[in-house]
Protein backbone atom coordinates (compact mmCIF):
# COMPACT_ATOMS: atom_id res chain seq x y z
CA MET A 1 0.00 0.00 0.00
CA LYS A 2 2.94 2.33 0.64
CA GLU A 3 3.95 2.21 -3.05
CA GLU A 4 0.37 3.00 -4.07
CA ALA A 5 0.39 5.92 -1.62
CA PHE A 6 3.64 7.30 -3.03
CA LYS A 7 2.19 7.17 -6.56
CA PHE A 8 -1.17 8.64 -5.54
CA TYR A 9 0.42 11.61 -3.74
CA ASN A 10 3.36 11.90 -6.17
CA LEU A 11 5.91 11.37 -3.39
CA ASP A 12 9.58 10.44 -3.58
CA PRO A 13 10.10 7.11 -1.74
CA ALA A 14 13.66 8.20 -0.83
CA LYS A 15 12.35 11.05 1.34
CA LYS A 16 10.61 11.12 4.73
CA HIS A 17 6.90 11.96 4.74
CA LEU A 18 4.92 14.06 7.19
CA PHE A 19 1.12 14.18 7.13
CA ILE A 20 -0.60 17.11 8.82
CA VAL A 21 -4.33 16.69 9.29
CA GLY A 22 -6.52 19.25 11.01
CA GLY A 23 -9.83 17.45 10.55
CA SER A 24 -12.45 18.07 7.91
CA LEU A 25 -12.73 21.76 8.78
CA GLY A 26 -9.01 22.22 9.31
CA SER A 27 -7.18 23.67 12.29
CA GLY A 28 -6.07 27.27 12.55
CA THR A 29 -3.46 26.27 15.11
CA LEU A 30 -1.86 23.61 12.88
CA ASN A 31 -2.05 25.89 9.84
CA ASN A 32 -0.46 28.80 11.70
CA ALA A 33 2.33 26.53 12.97
CA MET A 34 3.04 25.47 9.38
CA LYS A 35 3.01 29.06 8.13
CA LYS A 36 5.46 30.13 10.84
CA TRP A 37 7.75 27.17 10.09
CA ILE A 38 7.76 28.00 6.38
CA SER A 39 8.38 31.69 7.12
CA ASP A 40 11.31 30.66 9.34
CA GLY A 41 12.87 28.74 6.43
CA CYS A 42 11.59 25.20 7.20
CA PRO A 43 14.30 24.35 9.76
CA GLY A 44 14.82 20.60 9.97
CA GLY A 45 12.68 19.98 6.89
CA GLU A 46 15.48 18.79 4.64
CA ASN A 47 14.79 15.51 2.82
CA MET A 48 11.09 15.68 3.79
CA GLN A 49 7.84 15.88 1.87
CA ILE A 50 4.63 17.08 3.50
CA ILE A 51 0.97 16.38 2.85
CA TRP A 52 -0.88 19.23 4.55
CA GLN A 53 -4.65 19.05 4.93
CA CYS A 54 -5.51 22.64 5.82
CA GLY A 55 -9.32 22.40 5.71
CA LYS A 56 -11.97 23.94 3.47
CA TYR A 57 -12.43 27.00 5.68
CA TYR A 58 -8.69 27.82 5.68
CA LYS A 59 -7.84 26.82 2.10
CA PRO A 60 -8.15 30.31 0.53
CA SER A 61 -5.84 31.90 3.12
CA VAL A 62 -3.35 29.02 2.86
CA ASP A 63 -3.43 29.32 -0.97
CA THR A 64 -2.61 33.03 -0.64
CA PHE A 65 0.13 32.35 1.91
CA MET A 66 1.76 29.64 -0.24
CA LYS A 67 1.67 31.87 -3.34
CA GLU A 68 3.24 34.78 -1.45
CA ALA A 69 5.78 32.47 0.20
CA ALA A 70 6.88 31.22 -3.23
CA GLU A 71 7.13 34.77 -4.56
CA LYS A 72 9.23 35.85 -1.56
CA GLY A 73 11.39 32.72 -1.60
CA LEU A 74 10.24 31.65 1.86
CA GLY A 75 10.99 28.06 2.76
CA GLY A 76 13.45 27.68 -0.11
CA GLU A 77 13.45 24.27 -1.78
CA CYS A 78 11.38 22.88 1.09
CA LEU A 79 8.35 24.84 -0.12
CA LYS A 80 8.29 22.73 -3.29
CA GLN A 81 8.01 19.59 -1.14
CA ILE A 82 4.74 20.69 0.51
CA THR A 83 1.38 19.75 -0.97
CA HIS A 84 -1.63 21.36 0.65
CA SER A 85 -5.31 20.62 0.13
CA ASP A 86 -8.64 21.32 1.76
CA PHE A 87 -9.64 17.68 2.16
CA ILE A 88 -8.00 14.24 2.00
CA ARG A 89 -10.00 11.82 -0.09
CA ARG A 90 -7.74 8.83 0.52
CA MET A 91 -6.88 8.87 4.23
CA ASP A 92 -5.73 5.27 3.98
CA LEU A 93 -3.04 6.27 1.50
CA ALA A 94 -2.06 9.43 3.39
CA TYR A 95 -1.55 7.34 6.53
CA ALA A 96 0.33 4.68 4.54
CA ALA A 97 2.72 7.27 3.11
CA ALA A 98 3.37 9.06 6.40
CA ASP A 99 6.35 8.39 8.62
CA VAL A 100 4.84 10.80 11.17
CA VAL A 101 1.37 12.33 11.51
CA ILE A 102 0.45 15.63 13.15
CA SER A 103 -3.17 15.70 14.27
CA ARG A 104 -5.72 16.94 16.74
CA SER A 105 -6.64 14.25 19.27
CA GLY A 106 -10.33 13.59 18.94
CA ALA A 107 -11.46 10.03 19.62
CA SER A 108 -11.84 9.15 15.92
CA SER A 109 -8.38 10.46 15.04
CA ILE A 110 -6.80 8.58 17.96
CA SER A 111 -8.55 5.36 16.91
CA GLU A 112 -7.49 5.72 13.28
CA LEU A 113 -3.88 6.43 14.16
CA CYS A 114 -3.73 3.50 16.56
CA ALA A 115 -5.20 1.20 13.88
CA ALA A 116 -2.72 2.55 11.33
CA HIS A 117 0.19 2.08 13.82
CA LYS A 118 1.42 5.62 13.16
CA ALA A 119 3.89 7.71 15.12
CA SER A 120 1.97 10.89 15.88
CA VAL A 121 2.35 14.31 17.39
CA PHE A 122 -0.98 15.40 18.85
CA VAL A 123 -2.07 18.98 19.43
CA PRO A 124 -5.19 18.71 21.60
CA SER A 125 -7.83 21.31 20.87
CA PRO A 126 -8.52 23.52 23.89
CA ASN A 127 -12.01 24.27 22.53
CA VAL A 128 -13.68 21.02 23.57
CA THR A 129 -15.75 19.91 26.53
CA GLU A 130 -13.79 18.97 29.66
CA ASP A 131 -10.49 19.08 27.75
CA HIS A 132 -11.14 15.54 26.49
CA GLN A 133 -8.63 15.82 23.62
CA THR A 134 -5.80 16.31 26.11
CA HIS A 135 -6.99 13.23 28.02
CA ASN A 136 -7.14 11.27 24.74
CA ALA A 137 -3.61 12.28 23.77
CA MET A 138 -2.16 11.65 27.22
CA ALA A 139 -3.54 8.10 27.22
CA LEU A 140 -1.08 7.43 24.37
CA VAL A 141 1.74 9.70 25.56
CA ASN A 142 1.78 7.93 28.94
CA LYS A 143 2.37 4.63 27.13
CA ASP A 144 5.15 6.09 24.92
CA ALA A 145 2.78 5.70 21.98
CA ALA A 146 2.68 9.36 20.84
CA LEU A 147 4.02 12.85 21.49
CA THR A 148 2.01 15.94 22.31
CA VAL A 149 2.40 19.70 21.99
CA LYS A 150 0.06 22.12 23.74
CA ASP A 151 -2.13 24.23 21.47
CA ALA A 152 -0.74 27.46 22.96
CA GLU A 153 2.83 26.31 22.22
CA ALA A 154 2.23 24.93 18.73
CA SER A 155 3.58 27.91 16.77
CA GLU A 156 6.93 27.62 18.51
CA LYS A 157 7.23 23.90 19.22
CA LEU A 158 5.09 21.81 16.86
CA MET A 159 7.23 21.64 13.73
CA LYS A 160 10.46 21.46 15.76
CA THR A 161 9.04 18.45 17.64
CA ALA A 162 7.82 16.82 14.42
CA CYS A 163 11.12 17.37 12.60
CA GLU A 164 13.11 15.96 15.53
CA LEU A 165 10.87 12.89 15.54
CA MET A 166 11.15 12.51 11.75
CA ALA A 167 14.94 12.40 12.12
CA ASP A 168 14.82 9.70 14.82
CA THR A 169 13.94 6.40 13.14
CA GLU A 170 14.44 4.45 16.39
CA LYS A 171 11.94 6.67 18.22
CA ILE A 172 9.44 6.33 15.35
CA ALA A 173 9.79 2.53 15.47
CA ALA A 174 9.30 2.49 19.25
CA ILE A 175 6.18 4.67 19.04
CA GLU A 176 4.77 2.54 16.22
CA LYS A 177 5.33 -0.62 18.27
CA ASN A 178 3.67 0.89 21.34
CA VAL A 179 0.70 2.39 19.47
CA ALA A 180 0.08 -0.92 17.70
CA LYS A 181 -0.58 -2.50 21.10
CA LEU A 182 -3.41 -0.01 21.66
CA ALA A 183 -5.18 -0.63 18.36
CA LEU A 184 -8.56 -2.34 18.50
CA ALA A 185 -8.81 -4.15 15.19
CA ASP A 186 -12.38 -4.75 14.04
CA ALA A 187 -13.68 -2.72 17.00
CA ALA A 188 -16.99 -2.12 15.24
CA MET A 189 -17.58 -5.87 15.16
CA THR A 190 -17.34 -6.33 18.93
């Protein structure tokens, strides 16, 4: 499936792959963290390709930002390695291609990432009842099955954390092993 994913998303198999998913509506926090990272020159993003799902609501502003970034030379060669879209039609292939996933930590996202055995960096939304996304993320973090960055710290820490993880293949393997233990295969059938 990984080869199919590389073809579908036009990715270079020799590079590392980061998938950023903010949910169907997108996430201003994740989008702003990406914009800041690009504006800072994509530090740590060498030899990496990114699939960035910015959300329908945010797509026009991200389109404008990416156009202006290209015109100003922001992000250098890294900018050419970023594909952004409003929606991901083949989540299975995006997950298959990804070495690391950045995501919010709603219950569905957590379940999908556990089932896909993916190393993830979660940014819990602070705008949910009883801070349940933080509790969801910490259930994995406490088992060394994910990393987390606070929403308020995402602009400064998210991409640095993700790039450090992308560079650490042993850490990725350990997280994948630990998250696989938490997956509930065929959960809908039980």
